[in-house]
Amino acid sequence: MRLLTLPVTLIVLAVLVYLLFAVVRRSGPASRRSVGGPPRWEADTVMENGWTLIVVRKVAPGRNGPVELTRQTVRAIADDDPDWDERYREGMLEARNRVSTLEIESG
């Protein structure tokens, strides 16, 4: 039985080293770069509690889809506002302009 103790110990140790290497390699910066590109700014619309929110958000590619890093509300419009269409178009224009400015400043 003593004869098998050293080989079994070496095999277990080798497996543990391999698993540790695999975990470190998987969580390293190279794998984060392969998930996607740099964060980007985008205009978006969010509907909640009777309001339409026009927002600008910074998103980064993640393993399970885009991850929101930050959000700025450009305009909030009540859903029953009689001038909703006009205010929405104005808000989206402002949001797109802000996205352009933020992309220039961050790039």
PDB file of N, CA and C in Angstrom:
ATOM      1  N   MET A   1       0.820  -1.187   0.000  1.00  0.00           N
ATOM      2  CA  MET A   1       0.000   0.000   0.000  1.00  0.00           C
ATOM      3  C   MET A   1       0.869   1.259   0.000  1.00  0.00           C
ATOM      4  N   ARG A   2       2.022   1.208   0.747  1.00  0.00           N
ATOM      5  CA  ARG A   2       2.928   2.354   0.770  1.00  0.00           C
ATOM      6  C   ARG A   2       3.498   2.632  -0.607  1.00  0.00           C
ATOM      7  N   LEU A   3       3.616   1.622  -1.403  1.00  0.00           N
ATOM      8  CA  LEU A   3       4.169   1.765  -2.739  1.00  0.00           C
ATOM      9  C   LEU A   3       3.282   2.645  -3.614  1.00  0.00           C
ATOM     10  N   LEU A   4       1.985   2.600  -3.430  1.00  0.00           N
ATOM     11  CA  LEU A   4       1.046   3.384  -4.230  1.00  0.00           C
ATOM     12  C   LEU A   4       0.813   4.796  -3.683  1.00  0.00           C
ATOM     13  N   THR A   5       1.202   5.063  -2.482  1.00  0.00           N
ATOM     14  CA  THR A   5       0.929   6.363  -1.867  1.00  0.00           C
ATOM     15  C   THR A   5       1.610   7.503  -2.615  1.00  0.00           C
ATOM     16  N   LEU A   6       2.869   7.373  -2.957  1.00  0.00           N
ATOM     17  CA  LEU A   6       3.595   8.436  -3.644  1.00  0.00           C
ATOM     18  C   LEU A   6       3.023   8.714  -5.043  1.00  0.00           C
ATOM     19  N   PRO A   7       2.784   7.692  -5.885  1.00  0.00           N
ATOM     20  CA  PRO A   7       2.214   7.979  -7.211  1.00  0.00           C
ATOM     21  C   PRO A   7       0.809   8.610  -7.128  1.00  0.00           C
ATOM     22  N   VAL A   8      -0.011   8.131  -6.222  1.00  0.00           N
ATOM     23  CA  VAL A   8      -1.359   8.690  -6.087  1.00  0.00           C
ATOM     24  C   VAL A   8      -1.276  10.147  -5.630  1.00  0.00           C
ATOM     25  N   THR A   9      -0.388  10.435  -4.699  1.00  0.00           N
ATOM     26  CA  THR A   9      -0.207  11.808  -4.217  1.00  0.00           C
ATOM     27  C   THR A   9       0.257  12.715  -5.357  1.00  0.00           C
ATOM     28  N   LEU A  10       1.182  12.240  -6.169  1.00  0.00           N
ATOM     29  CA  LEU A  10       1.675  13.035  -7.302  1.00  0.00           C
ATOM     30  C   LEU A  10       0.574  13.284  -8.338  1.00  0.00           C
ATOM     31  N   ILE A  11      -0.231  12.287  -8.587  1.00  0.00           N
ATOM     32  CA  ILE A  11      -1.326  12.448  -9.548  1.00  0.00           C
ATOM     33  C   ILE A  11      -2.349  13.464  -9.036  1.00  0.00           C
ATOM     34  N   VAL A  12      -2.716  13.368  -7.774  1.00  0.00           N
ATOM     35  CA  VAL A  12      -3.674  14.317  -7.179  1.00  0.00           C
ATOM     36  C   VAL A  12      -3.096  15.729  -7.223  1.00  0.00           C
ATOM     37  N   LEU A  13      -1.832  15.870  -6.901  1.00  0.00           N
ATOM     38  CA  LEU A  13      -1.176  17.168  -6.928  1.00  0.00           C
ATOM     39  C   LEU A  13      -1.153  17.741  -8.351  1.00  0.00           C
ATOM     40  N   ALA A  14      -0.864  16.901  -9.329  1.00  0.00           N
ATOM     41  CA  ALA A  14      -0.843  17.350 -10.723  1.00  0.00           C
ATOM     42  C   ALA A  14      -2.230  17.816 -11.178  1.00  0.00           C
ATOM     43  N   VAL A  15      -3.263  17.099 -10.793  1.00  0.00           N
ATOM     44  CA  VAL A  15      -4.633  17.485 -11.150  1.00  0.00           C
ATOM     45  C   VAL A  15      -4.995  18.819 -10.508  1.00  0.00           C
ATOM     46  N   LEU A  16      -4.633  19.012  -9.245  1.00  0.00           N
ATOM     47  CA  LEU A  16      -4.915  20.279  -8.566  1.00  0.00           C
ATOM     48  C   LEU A  16      -4.188  21.447  -9.223  1.00  0.00           C
ATOM     49  N   VAL A  17      -2.927  21.250  -9.602  1.00  0.00           N
ATOM     50  CA  VAL A  17      -2.166  22.301 -10.280  1.00  0.00           C
ATOM     51  C   VAL A  17      -2.813  22.624 -11.632  1.00  0.00           C
ATOM     52  N   TYR A  18      -3.228  21.607 -12.359  1.00  0.00           N
ATOM     53  CA  TYR A  18      -3.888  21.821 -13.651  1.00  0.00           C
ATOM     54  C   TYR A  18      -5.187  22.609 -13.479  1.00  0.00           C
ATOM     55  N   LEU A  19      -6.005  22.246 -12.500  1.00  0.00           N
ATOM     56  CA  LEU A  19      -7.268  22.955 -12.260  1.00  0.00           C
ATOM     57  C   LEU A  19      -7.016  24.402 -11.857  1.00  0.00           C
ATOM     58  N   LEU A  20      -6.026  24.631 -11.018  1.00  0.00           N
ATOM     59  CA  LEU A  20      -5.686  25.989 -10.607  1.00  0.00           C
ATOM     60  C   LEU A  20      -5.233  26.808 -11.812  1.00  0.00           C
ATOM     61  N   PHE A  21      -4.413  26.236 -12.647  1.00  0.00           N
ATOM     62  CA  PHE A  21      -3.961  26.917 -13.853  1.00  0.00           C
ATOM     63  C   PHE A  21      -5.134  27.251 -14.775  1.00  0.00           C
ATOM     64  N   ALA A  22      -6.050  26.321 -14.939  1.00  0.00           N
ATOM     65  CA  ALA A  22      -7.212  26.545 -15.804  1.00  0.00           C
ATOM     66  C   ALA A  22      -8.097  27.674 -15.278  1.00  0.00           C
ATOM     67  N   VAL A  23      -8.304  27.736 -13.969  1.00  0.00           N
ATOM     68  CA  VAL A  23      -9.128  28.789 -13.377  1.00  0.00           C
ATOM     69  C   VAL A  23      -8.462  30.149 -13.544  1.00  0.00           C
ATOM     70  N   VAL A  24      -7.162  30.220 -13.286  1.00  0.00           N
ATOM     71  CA  VAL A  24      -6.441  31.492 -13.412  1.00  0.00           C
ATOM     72  C   VAL A  24      -6.428  31.948 -14.869  1.00  0.00           C
ATOM     73  N   ARG A  25      -6.214  31.053 -15.759  1.00  0.00           N
ATOM     74  CA  ARG A  25      -6.183  31.386 -17.186  1.00  0.00           C
ATOM     75  C   ARG A  25      -7.539  31.867 -17.674  1.00  0.00           C
ATOM     76  N   ARG A  26      -8.602  31.263 -17.202  1.00  0.00           N
ATOM     77  CA  ARG A  26      -9.951  31.610 -17.636  1.00  0.00           C
ATOM     78  C   ARG A  26     -10.378  32.979 -17.127  1.00  0.00           C
ATOM     79  N   SER A  27      -9.955  33.365 -15.936  1.00  0.00           N
ATOM     80  CA  SER A  27     -10.373  34.646 -15.369  1.00  0.00           C
ATOM     81  C   SER A  27      -9.387  35.760 -15.658  1.00  0.00           C
ATOM     82  N   GLY A  28      -8.374  35.527 -16.454  1.00  0.00           N
ATOM     83  CA  GLY A  28      -7.364  36.542 -16.752  1.00  0.00           C
ATOM     84  C   GLY A  28      -7.872  37.595 -17.718  1.00  0.00           C
ATOM     85  N   PRO A  29      -7.099  38.659 -17.929  1.00  0.00           N
ATOM     86  CA  PRO A  29      -7.506  39.758 -18.794  1.00  0.00           C
ATOM     87  C   PRO A  29      -7.671  39.342 -20.250  1.00  0.00           C
ATOM     88  N   ALA A  30      -6.957  38.331 -20.716  1.00  0.00           N
ATOM     89  CA  ALA A  30      -7.094  37.899 -22.106  1.00  0.00           C
ATOM     90  C   ALA A  30      -8.493  37.395 -22.381  1.00  0.00           C
ATOM     91  N   SER A  31      -9.114  36.683 -21.446  1.00  0.00           N
ATOM     92  CA  SER A  31     -10.461  36.170 -21.684  1.00  0.00           C
ATOM     93  C   SER A  31     -11.481  37.285 -21.639  1.00  0.00           C
ATOM     94  N   ARG A  32     -11.219  38.344 -20.851  1.00  0.00           N
ATOM     95  CA  ARG A  32     -12.150  39.473 -20.818  1.00  0.00           C
ATOM     96  C   ARG A  32     -12.123  40.213 -22.140  1.00  0.00           C
ATOM     97  N   ARG A  33     -10.957  40.296 -22.765  1.00  0.00           N
ATOM     98  CA  ARG A  33     -10.863  40.959 -24.059  1.00  0.00           C
ATOM     99  C   ARG A  33     -11.567  40.154 -25.138  1.00  0.00           C
ATOM    100  N   SER A  34     -11.569  38.842 -25.042  1.00  0.00           N
ATOM    101  CA  SER A  34     -12.185  38.017 -26.068  1.00  0.00           C
ATOM    102  C   SER A  34     -13.704  38.035 -25.998  1.00  0.00           C
ATOM    103  N   VAL A  35     -14.274  38.511 -24.883  1.00  0.00           N
ATOM    104  CA  VAL A  35     -15.730  38.558 -24.753  1.00  0.00           C
ATOM    105  C   VAL A  35     -16.315  39.602 -25.680  1.00  0.00           C
ATOM    106  N   GLY A  36     -15.654  40.724 -25.827  1.00  0.00           N
ATOM    107  CA  GLY A  36     -16.167  41.778 -26.693  1.00  0.00           C
ATOM    108  C   GLY A  36     -15.232  42.962 -26.703  1.00  0.00           C
ATOM    109  N   GLY A  37     -15.750  44.056 -27.245  1.00  0.00           N
ATOM    110  CA  GLY A  37     -14.944  45.252 -27.363  1.00  0.00           C
ATOM    111  C   GLY A  37     -15.071  46.153 -26.153  1.00  0.00           C
ATOM    112  N   PRO A  38     -14.649  47.393 -26.338  1.00  0.00           N
ATOM    113  CA  PRO A  38     -14.699  48.358 -25.238  1.00  0.00           C
ATOM    114  C   PRO A  38     -16.135  48.800 -24.957  1.00  0.00           C
ATOM    115  N   PRO A  39     -16.374  49.430 -23.811  1.00  0.00           N
ATOM    116  CA  PRO A  39     -17.717  49.942 -23.513  1.00  0.00           C
ATOM    117  C   PRO A  39     -18.127  50.993 -24.534  1.00  0.00           C
ATOM    118  N   ARG A  40     -19.432  51.131 -24.738  1.00  0.00           N
ATOM    119  CA  ARG A  40     -19.941  52.123 -25.688  1.00  0.00           C
ATOM    120  C   ARG A  40     -21.153  52.825 -25.085  1.00  0.00           C
ATOM    121  N   TRP A  41     -21.432  54.009 -25.577  1.00  0.00           N
ATOM    122  CA  TRP A  41     -22.610  54.773 -25.153  1.00  0.00           C
ATOM    123  C   TRP A  41     -23.720  54.521 -26.149  1.00  0.00           C
ATOM    124  N   GLU A  42     -24.971  54.453 -25.659  1.00  0.00           N
ATOM    125  CA  GLU A  42     -26.122  54.270 -26.542  1.00  0.00           C
ATOM    126  C   GLU A  42     -27.349  54.954 -25.956  1.00  0.00           C
ATOM    127  N   ALA A  43     -28.224  55.385 -26.855  1.00  0.00           N
ATOM    128  CA  ALA A  43     -29.506  55.970 -26.455  1.00  0.00           C
ATOM    129  C   ALA A  43     -30.509  54.836 -26.310  1.00  0.00           C
ATOM    130  N   ASP A  44     -31.393  54.948 -25.323  1.00  0.00           N
ATOM    131  CA  ASP A  44     -32.366  53.886 -25.072  1.00  0.00           C
ATOM    132  C   ASP A  44     -33.638  54.490 -24.505  1.00  0.00           C
ATOM    133  N   THR A  45     -34.706  53.729 -24.562  1.00  0.00           N
ATOM    134  CA  THR A  45     -35.990  54.127 -24.002  1.00  0.00           C
ATOM    135  C   THR A  45     -36.411  53.099 -22.967  1.00  0.00           C
ATOM    136  N   VAL A  46     -36.865  53.588 -21.809  1.00  0.00           N
ATOM    137  CA  VAL A  46     -37.319  52.711 -20.732  1.00  0.00           C
ATOM    138  C   VAL A  46     -38.736  53.121 -20.370  1.00  0.00           C
ATOM    139  N   MET A  47     -39.659  52.168 -20.305  1.00  0.00           N
ATOM    140  CA  MET A  47     -41.042  52.432 -19.909  1.00  0.00           C
ATOM    141  C   MET A  47     -41.244  51.910 -18.497  1.00  0.00           C
ATOM    142  N   GLU A  48     -41.659  52.799 -17.579  1.00  0.00           N
ATOM    143  CA  GLU A  48     -41.914  52.338 -16.217  1.00  0.00           C
ATOM    144  C   GLU A  48     -42.889  53.266 -15.512  1.00  0.00           C
ATOM    145  N   ASN A  49     -43.859  52.653 -14.854  1.00  0.00           N
ATOM    146  CA  ASN A  49     -44.822  53.345 -13.993  1.00  0.00           C
ATOM    147  C   ASN A  49     -45.509  54.535 -14.662  1.00  0.00           C
ATOM    148  N   GLY A  50     -45.926  54.364 -15.914  1.00  0.00           N
ATOM    149  CA  GLY A  50     -46.644  55.435 -16.607  1.00  0.00           C
ATOM    150  C   GLY A  50     -45.756  56.523 -17.182  1.00  0.00           C
ATOM    151  N   TRP A  51     -44.460  56.281 -17.217  1.00  0.00           N
ATOM    152  CA  TRP A  51     -43.518  57.256 -17.745  1.00  0.00           C
ATOM    153  C   TRP A  51     -42.646  56.610 -18.816  1.00  0.00           C
ATOM    154  N   THR A  52     -42.273  57.400 -19.802  1.00  0.00           N
ATOM    155  CA  THR A  52     -41.291  56.995 -20.793  1.00  0.00           C
ATOM    156  C   THR A  52     -40.020  57.759 -20.469  1.00  0.00           C
ATOM    157  N   LEU A  53     -38.964  57.021 -20.192  1.00  0.00           N
ATOM    158  CA  LEU A  53     -37.676  57.633 -19.874  1.00  0.00           C
ATOM    159  C   LEU A  53     -36.751  57.466 -21.069  1.00  0.00           C
ATOM    160  N   ILE A  54     -36.210  58.572 -21.520  1.00  0.00           N
ATOM    161  CA  ILE A  54     -35.204  58.527 -22.569  1.00  0.00           C
ATOM    162  C   ILE A  54     -33.871  58.628 -21.851  1.00  0.00           C
ATOM    163  N   VAL A  55     -33.042  57.620 -22.028  1.00  0.00           N
ATOM    164  CA  VAL A  55     -31.788  57.538 -21.284  1.00  0.00           C
ATOM    165  C   VAL A  55     -30.611  57.353 -22.225  1.00  0.00           C
ATOM    166  N   VAL A  56     -29.462  57.731 -21.728  1.00  0.00           N
ATOM    167  CA  VAL A  56     -28.187  57.440 -22.364  1.00  0.00           C
ATOM    168  C   VAL A  56     -27.463  56.530 -21.391  1.00  0.00           C
ATOM    169  N   ARG A  57     -26.989  55.399 -21.887  1.00  0.00           N
ATOM    170  CA  ARG A  57     -26.332  54.459 -20.994  1.00  0.00           C
ATOM    171  C   ARG A  57     -25.032  53.964 -21.598  1.00  0.00           C
ATOM    172  N   LYS A  58     -24.110  53.658 -20.705  1.00  0.00           N
ATOM    173  CA  LYS A  58     -22.829  53.095 -21.121  1.00  0.00           C
ATOM    174  C   LYS A  58     -22.899  51.601 -20.864  1.00  0.00           C
ATOM    175  N   VAL A  59     -22.676  50.824 -21.920  1.00  0.00           N
ATOM    176  CA  VAL A  59     -22.755  49.369 -21.805  1.00  0.00           C
ATOM    177  C   VAL A  59     -21.444  48.739 -22.259  1.00  0.00           C
ATOM    178  N   ALA A  60     -21.139  47.623 -21.637  1.00  0.00           N
ATOM    179  CA  ALA A  60     -19.958  46.846 -22.001  1.00  0.00           C
ATOM    180  C   ALA A  60     -20.409  45.431 -22.335  1.00  0.00           C
ATOM    181  N   PRO A  61     -19.761  44.799 -23.295  1.00  0.00           N
ATOM    182  CA  PRO A  61     -20.100  43.409 -23.598  1.00  0.00           C
ATOM    183  C   PRO A  61     -19.755  42.504 -22.421  1.00  0.00           C
ATOM    184  N   GLY A  62     -20.666  41.610 -22.087  1.00  0.00           N
ATOM    185  CA  GLY A  62     -20.431  40.650 -21.018  1.00  0.00           C
ATOM    186  C   GLY A  62     -20.642  39.242 -21.514  1.00  0.00           C
ATOM    187  N   ARG A  63     -20.380  38.293 -20.675  1.00  0.00           N
ATOM    188  CA  ARG A  63     -20.550  36.882 -21.065  1.00  0.00           C
ATOM    189  C   ARG A  63     -22.004  36.545 -21.381  1.00  0.00           C
ATOM    190  N   ASN A  64     -22.941  37.164 -20.684  1.00  0.00           N
ATOM    191  CA  ASN A  64     -24.368  36.865 -20.885  1.00  0.00           C
ATOM    192  C   ASN A  64     -25.109  38.027 -21.525  1.00  0.00           C
ATOM    193  N   GLY A  65     -24.430  38.815 -22.328  1.00  0.00           N
ATOM    194  CA  GLY A  65     -25.051  39.959 -22.978  1.00  0.00           C
ATOM    195  C   GLY A  65     -24.504  41.260 -22.421  1.00  0.00           C
ATOM    196  N   PRO A  66     -25.016  42.389 -22.930  1.00  0.00           N
ATOM    197  CA  PRO A  66     -24.505  43.690 -22.492  1.00  0.00           C
ATOM    198  C   PRO A  66     -24.726  43.932 -21.003  1.00  0.00           C
ATOM    199  N   VAL A  67     -23.762  44.607 -20.385  1.00  0.00           N
ATOM    200  CA  VAL A  67     -23.831  44.965 -18.967  1.00  0.00           C
ATOM    201  C   VAL A  67     -23.866  46.485 -18.885  1.00  0.00           C
ATOM    202  N   GLU A  68     -24.880  47.026 -18.206  1.00  0.00           N
ATOM    203  CA  GLU A  68     -24.997  48.476 -18.067  1.00  0.00           C
ATOM    204  C   GLU A  68     -24.041  48.961 -16.983  1.00  0.00           C
ATOM    205  N   LEU A  69     -23.176  49.906 -17.342  1.00  0.00           N
ATOM    206  CA  LEU A  69     -22.207  50.453 -16.399  1.00  0.00           C
ATOM    207  C   LEU A  69     -22.719  51.730 -15.738  1.00  0.00           C
ATOM    208  N   THR A  70     -23.386  52.571 -16.514  1.00  0.00           N
ATOM    209  CA  THR A  70     -23.941  53.812 -15.980  1.00  0.00           C
ATOM    210  C   THR A  70     -25.105  54.260 -16.863  1.00  0.00           C
ATOM    211  N   ARG A  71     -25.946  55.116 -16.292  1.00  0.00           N
ATOM    212  CA  ARG A  71     -27.127  55.575 -17.014  1.00  0.00           C
ATOM    213  C   ARG A  71     -27.396  57.038 -16.672  1.00  0.00           C
ATOM    214  N   GLN A  72     -27.758  57.820 -17.684  1.00  0.00           N
ATOM    215  CA  GLN A  72     -28.169  59.203 -17.507  1.00  0.00           C
ATOM    216  C   GLN A  72     -29.554  59.365 -18.105  1.00  0.00           C
ATOM    217  N   THR A  73     -30.480  59.940 -17.342  1.00  0.00           N
ATOM    218  CA  THR A  73     -31.817  60.198 -17.869  1.00  0.00           C
ATOM    219  C   THR A  73     -31.796  61.535 -18.591  1.00  0.00           C
ATOM    220  N   VAL A  74     -32.198  61.528 -19.853  1.00  0.00           N
ATOM    221  CA  VAL A  74     -32.228  62.745 -20.664  1.00  0.00           C
ATOM    222  C   VAL A  74     -33.572  63.442 -20.517  1.00  0.00           C
ATOM    223  N   ARG A  75     -34.656  62.647 -20.570  1.00  0.00           N
ATOM    224  CA  ARG A  75     -35.989  63.232 -20.484  1.00  0.00           C
ATOM    225  C   ARG A  75     -36.970  62.184 -19.964  1.00  0.00           C
ATOM    226  N   ALA A  76     -37.939  62.649 -19.174  1.00  0.00           N
ATOM    227  CA  ALA A  76     -39.034  61.794 -18.687  1.00  0.00           C
ATOM    228  C   ALA A  76     -40.330  62.374 -19.230  1.00  0.00           C
ATOM    229  N   ILE A  77     -41.119  61.530 -19.886  1.00  0.00           N
ATOM    230  CA  ILE A  77     -42.370  61.968 -20.507  1.00  0.00           C
ATOM    231  C   ILE A  77     -43.502  61.120 -19.954  1.00  0.00           C
ATOM    232  N   ALA A  78     -44.531  61.775 -19.463  1.00  0.00           N
ATOM    233  CA  ALA A  78     -45.703  61.037 -18.973  1.00  0.00           C
ATOM    234  C   ALA A  78     -46.367  60.352 -20.164  1.00  0.00           C
ATOM    235  N   ASP A  79     -46.815  59.115 -19.968  1.00  0.00           N
ATOM    236  CA  ASP A  79     -47.417  58.358 -21.065  1.00  0.00           C
ATOM    237  C   ASP A  79     -48.705  58.997 -21.584  1.00  0.00           C
ATOM    238  N   ASP A  80     -49.396  59.765 -20.746  1.00  0.00           N
ATOM    239  CA  ASP A  80     -50.648  60.396 -21.190  1.00  0.00           C
ATOM    240  C   ASP A  80     -50.451  61.845 -21.643  1.00  0.00           C
ATOM    241  N   ASP A  81     -49.213  62.264 -21.836  1.00  0.00           N
ATOM    242  CA  ASP A  81     -48.919  63.624 -22.307  1.00  0.00           C
ATOM    243  C   ASP A  81     -49.455  63.790 -23.731  1.00  0.00           C
ATOM    244  N   PRO A  82     -50.251  64.852 -24.000  1.00  0.00           N
ATOM    245  CA  PRO A  82     -50.804  65.032 -25.348  1.00  0.00           C
ATOM    246  C   PRO A  82     -49.726  65.296 -26.404  1.00  0.00           C
ATOM    247  N   ASP A  83     -48.578  65.826 -26.013  1.00  0.00           N
ATOM    248  CA  ASP A  83     -47.485  66.093 -26.957  1.00  0.00           C
ATOM    249  C   ASP A  83     -46.393  65.032 -26.861  1.00  0.00           C
ATOM    250  N   TRP A  84     -46.779  63.820 -26.526  1.00  0.00           N
ATOM    251  CA  TRP A  84     -45.809  62.747 -26.297  1.00  0.00           C
ATOM    252  C   TRP A  84     -44.908  62.539 -27.503  1.00  0.00           C
ATOM    253  N   ASP A  85     -45.471  62.448 -28.718  1.00  0.00           N
ATOM    254  CA  ASP A  85     -44.674  62.171 -29.921  1.00  0.00           C
ATOM    255  C   ASP A  85     -43.598  63.237 -30.139  1.00  0.00           C
ATOM    256  N   GLU A  86     -43.998  64.492 -30.035  1.00  0.00           N
ATOM    257  CA  GLU A  86     -43.047  65.581 -30.253  1.00  0.00           C
ATOM    258  C   GLU A  86     -41.963  65.580 -29.175  1.00  0.00           C
ATOM    259  N   ARG A  87     -42.353  65.405 -27.939  1.00  0.00           N
ATOM    260  CA  ARG A  87     -41.374  65.389 -26.846  1.00  0.00           C
ATOM    261  C   ARG A  87     -40.437  64.181 -26.963  1.00  0.00           C
ATOM    262  N   TYR A  88     -40.986  63.067 -27.431  1.00  0.00           N
ATOM    263  CA  TYR A  88     -40.152  61.873 -27.602  1.00  0.00           C
ATOM    264  C   TYR A  88     -39.093  62.115 -28.678  1.00  0.00           C
ATOM    265  N   ARG A  89     -39.515  62.670 -29.819  1.00  0.00           N
ATOM    266  CA  ARG A  89     -38.553  62.948 -30.890  1.00  0.00           C
ATOM    267  C   ARG A  89     -37.470  63.923 -30.429  1.00  0.00           C
ATOM    268  N   GLU A  90     -37.872  64.972 -29.718  1.00  0.00           N
ATOM    269  CA  GLU A  90     -36.902  65.936 -29.193  1.00  0.00           C
ATOM    270  C   GLU A  90     -35.943  65.269 -28.193  1.00  0.00           C
ATOM    271  N   GLY A  91     -36.486  64.436 -27.336  1.00  0.00           N
ATOM    272  CA  GLY A  91     -35.665  63.746 -26.344  1.00  0.00           C
ATOM    273  C   GLY A  91     -34.673  62.790 -26.976  1.00  0.00           C
ATOM    274  N   MET A  92     -35.104  62.053 -27.999  1.00  0.00           N
ATOM    275  CA  MET A  92     -34.198  61.130 -28.682  1.00  0.00           C
ATOM    276  C   MET A  92     -33.107  61.884 -29.434  1.00  0.00           C
ATOM    277  N   LEU A  93     -33.451  63.037 -30.012  1.00  0.00           N
ATOM    278  CA  LEU A  93     -32.448  63.862 -30.679  1.00  0.00           C
ATOM    279  C   LEU A  93     -31.399  64.329 -29.665  1.00  0.00           C
ATOM    280  N   GLU A  94     -31.856  64.795 -28.515  1.00  0.00           N
ATOM    281  CA  GLU A  94     -30.942  65.212 -27.457  1.00  0.00           C
ATOM    282  C   GLU A  94     -30.085  64.036 -26.971  1.00  0.00           C
ATOM    283  N   ALA A  95     -30.691  62.868 -26.828  1.00  0.00           N
ATOM    284  CA  ALA A  95     -29.952  61.686 -26.369  1.00  0.00           C
ATOM    285  C   ALA A  95     -28.881  61.288 -27.387  1.00  0.00           C
ATOM    286  N   ARG A  96     -29.215  61.318 -28.668  1.00  0.00           N
ATOM    287  CA  ARG A  96     -28.223  60.957 -29.693  1.00  0.00           C
ATOM    288  C   ARG A  96     -27.071  61.966 -29.724  1.00  0.00           C
ATOM    289  N   ASN A  97     -27.404  63.239 -29.535  1.00  0.00           N
ATOM    290  CA  ASN A  97     -26.350  64.256 -29.474  1.00  0.00           C
ATOM    291  C   ASN A  97     -25.440  64.016 -28.268  1.00  0.00           C
ATOM    292  N   ARG A  98     -26.028  63.647 -27.143  1.00  0.00           N
ATOM    293  CA  ARG A  98     -25.235  63.379 -25.945  1.00  0.00           C
ATOM    294  C   ARG A  98     -24.356  62.153 -26.146  1.00  0.00           C
ATOM    295  N   VAL A  99     -24.894  61.123 -26.798  1.00  0.00           N
ATOM    296  CA  VAL A  99     -24.089  59.923 -27.091  1.00  0.00           C
ATOM    297  C   VAL A  99     -22.880  60.310 -27.927  1.00  0.00           C
ATOM    298  N   SER A 100     -23.084  61.128 -28.961  1.00  0.00           N
ATOM    299  CA  SER A 100     -21.960  61.563 -29.801  1.00  0.00           C
ATOM    300  C   SER A 100     -20.913  62.304 -28.984  1.00  0.00           C
ATOM    301  N   THR A 101     -21.366  63.209 -28.116  1.00  0.00           N
ATOM    302  CA  THR A 101     -20.431  63.957 -27.287  1.00  0.00           C
ATOM    303  C   THR A 101     -19.671  63.050 -26.339  1.00  0.00           C
ATOM    304  N   LEU A 102     -20.377  62.128 -25.680  1.00  0.00           N
ATOM    305  CA  LEU A 102     -19.716  61.229 -24.737  1.00  0.00           C
ATOM    306  C   LEU A 102     -18.745  60.288 -25.425  1.00  0.00           C
ATOM    307  N   GLU A 103     -19.071  59.833 -26.622  1.00  0.00           N
ATOM    308  CA  GLU A 103     -18.162  58.957 -27.378  1.00  0.00           C
ATOM    309  C   GLU A 103     -16.893  59.707 -27.759  1.00  0.00           C
ATOM    310  N   ILE A 104     -17.043  60.981 -28.160  1.00  0.00           N
ATOM    311  CA  ILE A 104     -15.868  61.782 -28.518  1.00  0.00           C
ATOM    312  C   ILE A 104     -14.994  62.003 -27.296  1.00  0.00           C
ATOM    313  N   GLU A 105     -15.623  62.322 -26.149  1.00  0.00           N
ATOM    314  CA  GLU A 105     -14.861  62.588 -24.933  1.00  0.00           C
ATOM    315  C   GLU A 105     -14.173  61.350 -24.378  1.00  0.00           C
ATOM    316  N   SER A 106     -14.791  60.189 -24.548  1.00  0.00           N
ATOM    317  CA  SER A 106     -14.195  58.974 -23.978  1.00  0.00           C
ATOM    318  C   SER A 106     -13.253  58.277 -24.956  1.00  0.00           C
ATOM    319  N   GLY A 107     -13.268  58.678 -26.197  1.00  0.00           N
ATOM    320  CA  GLY A 107     -12.447  58.005 -27.198  1.00  0.00           C
ATOM    321  C   GLY A 107     -11.215  58.710 -27.456  1.00  0.00           C
TER     322      GLY A 107
END
